Protein backbone atom coordinates (compact mmCIF):
# COMPACT_ATOMS: atom_id res chain seq x y z
CA UNK A 1 -11.99 13.50 10.16
CA UNK A 2 -12.84 10.54 12.64
CA UNK A 3 -10.23 8.22 13.49
CA UNK A 4 -11.96 5.13 11.92
CA UNK A 5 -11.78 7.02 8.35
CA UNK A 6 -7.89 7.90 9.25
CA UNK A 7 -7.90 4.01 9.70
CA UNK A 8 -9.52 3.33 6.52
CA UNK A 9 -7.67 5.85 4.69
CA UNK A 10 -4.37 4.20 5.70
CA UNK A 11 -5.05 0.59 5.32
CA UNK A 12 -6.21 1.62 1.86
CA UNK A 13 -2.82 3.14 1.28
CA UNK A 14 -1.21 0.44 2.91
CA UNK A 15 -3.39 -1.89 0.71
CA UNK A 16 -1.87 -0.14 -2.69
CA UNK A 17 1.69 -0.30 -1.45
CA UNK A 18 1.63 -4.12 -2.19
CA UNK A 19 1.17 -3.37 -5.99
CA UNK A 20 4.92 -4.44 -6.93
CA UNK A 21 5.52 -1.69 -8.96
CA UNK A 22 4.87 0.76 -6.27
CA UNK A 23 6.38 -1.54 -3.64
CA UNK A 24 9.44 -1.51 -5.32
CA UNK A 25 9.65 2.45 -5.24
CA UNK A 26 8.70 2.76 -1.71
CA UNK A 27 10.46 -0.02 0.39
CA UNK A 28 13.02 0.63 3.02
CA UNK A 29 16.54 0.10 1.28
CA UNK A 30 19.47 0.98 2.67
CA UNK A 31 21.52 1.21 -0.12
CA UNK A 32 18.53 3.80 -2.28
CA UNK A 33 18.39 5.82 0.78
CA UNK A 34 22.19 6.20 0.94
CA UNK A 35 22.05 7.40 -2.58
CA UNK A 36 19.60 10.04 -1.73
CA UNK A 37 16.02 8.69 -2.07
CA UNK A 38 14.99 9.68 1.84
CA UNK A 39 10.97 9.35 1.21
CA UNK A 40 12.00 5.14 1.61
CA UNK A 41 13.11 5.81 5.26
CA UNK A 42 8.90 7.07 6.07
CA UNK A 43 7.29 4.74 3.30
CA UNK A 44 9.06 1.37 4.01
CA UNK A 45 6.81 1.25 7.07
CA UNK A 46 3.82 1.00 4.79
CA UNK A 47 5.27 -1.81 2.86
CA UNK A 48 4.77 -5.38 3.65
CA UNK A 49 6.21 -9.06 2.26
CA UNK A 50 2.77 -10.56 1.65
CA UNK A 51 -1.02 -10.29 2.66
CA UNK A 52 -0.87 -12.10 5.67
CA UNK A 53 2.16 -9.50 7.10
CA UNK A 54 -0.29 -6.53 5.97
CA UNK A 55 -3.02 -8.20 7.29
CA UNK A 56 -1.99 -8.75 10.51
CA UNK A 57 -0.12 -5.52 10.73
CA UNK A 58 -3.13 -3.71 9.74
CA UNK A 59 -5.48 -5.74 12.68
CA UNK A 60 -2.58 -4.54 15.13
CA UNK A 61 -3.49 -0.78 13.93
CA UNK A 62 -7.03 -1.13 13.99
CA UNK A 63 -7.15 -2.87 17.67
CA UNK A 64 -5.11 -0.25 18.89
CA UNK A 65 -7.08 2.27 17.83
CA UNK A 66 -9.83 1.02 19.42
CA UNK A 67 -8.17 0.05 22.36
CA UNK A 68 -6.39 3.87 22.71
CA UNK A 69 -9.02 5.83 21.32
CA UNK A 70 -6.65 8.60 20.25
CA UNK A 71 -7.68 12.09 18.82
CA UNK A 72 -6.41 12.19 14.92
CA UNK A 73 -4.23 14.79 15.33
CA UNK A 74 -2.68 12.57 18.37
CA UNK A 75 -2.45 9.01 16.00
CA UNK A 76 -1.14 10.82 12.97
CA UNK A 77 1.24 12.30 14.86
CA UNK A 78 2.60 9.59 16.68
CA UNK A 79 2.47 6.86 13.54
CA UNK A 80 4.57 9.63 11.57
CA UNK A 81 6.98 10.63 14.25
CA UNK A 82 7.61 6.76 15.09
CA UNK A 83 7.60 5.29 11.50
CA UNK A 84 10.50 8.20 11.10
CA UNK A 85 12.56 6.92 13.51
CA UNK A 86 12.42 3.35 12.91
CA UNK A 87 13.25 3.83 8.92
CA UNK A 88 16.14 6.42 10.47
CA UNK A 89 17.61 3.97 13.52
CA UNK A 90 17.55 0.94 11.13
CA UNK A 91 19.95 2.90 8.92
CA UNK A 92 22.73 1.72 11.45
CA UNK A 93 21.60 -1.85 11.62
CA UNK A 94 22.90 -4.35 9.07
CA UNK A 95 19.37 -4.59 7.04
CA UNK A 96 19.58 -3.70 3.45
CA UNK A 97 15.94 -4.11 3.06
CA UNK A 98 12.69 -3.89 5.63
CA UNK A 99 9.20 -3.82 5.04
CA UNK A 100 6.71 -3.85 7.41
CA UNK A 101 4.55 -1.83 10.30
CA UNK A 102 5.39 -3.99 13.03
CA UNK A 103 8.17 -1.02 14.01
CA UNK A 104 6.16 1.71 14.08
CA UNK A 105 3.25 -0.33 15.52
CA UNK A 106 5.85 -0.98 18.67
CA UNK A 107 5.73 2.24 18.77
CA UNK A 108 2.30 3.37 18.86
CA UNK A 109 2.01 0.90 21.62
CA UNK A 110 4.34 2.07 23.27
CA UNK A 111 3.55 5.51 23.58
CA UNK A 112 0.05 5.26 24.19
CA UNK A 113 0.26 2.34 26.69
CA UNK A 114 3.23 4.52 28.93
CA UNK A 115 1.62 7.96 28.43
CA UNK A 116 -1.90 6.44 29.92
CA UNK A 117 0.28 5.18 32.69
CA UNK A 118 2.04 8.55 33.34
CA UNK A 119 -0.99 9.70 33.26
CA UNK A 120 -2.37 8.09 36.48
CA UNK A 121 -3.71 4.78 34.61
CA UNK A 122 -2.20 2.22 36.92
CA UNK A 123 -3.59 -0.83 34.82
CA UNK A 124 -1.65 0.78 32.04
CA UNK A 125 1.78 -0.17 33.56
CA UNK A 126 0.92 -4.04 32.89
CA UNK A 127 0.93 -2.53 29.01
CA UNK A 128 4.20 -1.10 29.70
CA UNK A 129 5.45 -4.52 31.35
CA UNK A 130 4.02 -6.63 28.91
CA UNK A 131 5.71 -4.77 25.52
CA UNK A 132 8.73 -3.77 27.30
CA UNK A 133 8.87 -7.93 28.02
CA UNK A 134 8.52 -9.00 24.88
CA UNK A 135 10.86 -6.09 23.19
CA UNK A 136 13.69 -7.95 25.55
CA UNK A 137 12.87 -11.44 24.70
CA UNK A 138 12.99 -10.85 21.02
CA UNK A 139 16.33 -9.09 21.62
CA UNK A 140 17.89 -11.99 23.61
CA UNK A 141 15.76 -14.75 22.27
CA UNK A 142 15.18 -13.86 18.67
CA UNK A 143 11.70 -13.89 17.22
CA UNK A 144 8.77 -16.23 16.67
CA UNK A 145 10.22 -19.10 14.00
CA UNK A 146 6.25 -19.10 12.92
CA UNK A 147 5.86 -15.49 12.48
CA UNK A 148 8.77 -15.43 9.94
CA UNK A 149 7.42 -18.39 8.57
CA UNK A 150 3.98 -16.28 8.09
CA UNK A 151 5.21 -13.44 6.48
CA UNK A 152 7.89 -15.11 4.15
CA UNK A 153 10.73 -13.31 6.02
CA UNK A 154 13.14 -12.71 9.29
CA UNK A 155 11.08 -10.69 11.91
CA UNK A 156 13.32 -7.28 11.96
CA UNK A 157 13.54 -7.06 15.42
CA UNK A 158 15.65 -4.28 15.77
CA UNK A 159 12.80 -1.99 14.10
CA UNK A 160 10.77 -3.64 16.83
CA UNK A 161 13.05 -2.19 19.57
CA UNK A 162 13.75 1.12 17.36
CA UNK A 163 9.95 1.53 17.54
CA UNK A 164 9.64 1.31 21.72
CA UNK A 165 12.22 3.63 22.28
CA UNK A 166 10.37 6.10 19.84
CA UNK A 167 7.31 5.49 21.57
CA UNK A 168 9.17 5.26 25.31
CA UNK A 169 10.75 8.85 24.00
CA UNK A 170 7.45 10.40 22.73
CA UNK A 171 5.38 9.62 25.57
CA UNK A 172 8.44 11.07 27.72
CA UNK A 173 8.20 14.63 26.13
CA UNK A 174 4.82 14.35 26.08
CA UNK A 175 4.29 13.55 29.72
CA UNK A 176 7.15 16.05 30.22
CA UNK A 177 5.19 19.54 28.47
CA UNK A 178 2.08 18.40 29.61
CA UNK A 179 3.76 19.05 33.21
CA UNK A 180 5.23 22.06 32.50
CA UNK A 181 1.98 23.47 31.24
CA UNK A 182 0.34 22.47 34.38
CA UNK A 183 3.02 24.19 36.39
CA UNK A 184 2.53 27.64 34.41
């Protein structure tokens, strides 16, 4: 299956999760997760507050697919693990409800940018510095009020941080594994 077919399928799933009855079952909700609805750790990343929120995140997902040109396996693995990490990590925050793909997007971007940089593509270090600076800015000064207004909710900067950490860890593990295989 080609990457753009996978992106189209993911886009359709995310669009379907805008249907209120489906969104209610899929959104990340701390209380319901603690009551045993564990799937929400993953599925909450694929629900959104409104159409502009969904559109912005889907556009970013497609741009990253075009920019980094990952294999389907690599892309799906990275999406799965960053989404899972974000959903689990924000259980440690005070958030009660979370929707949106942006935490996982920060993880995907960080993973591919750092993987490229560690593989010798020097220009990718600019991408790494950029995403680290963005996440640090948000942690220190908060998110853009304009973005919050557009999506109709507080921007979940905790999810952005968790995604960045997940992507960085995955890139480190991948690079270490690749180097071990080269030496054997």
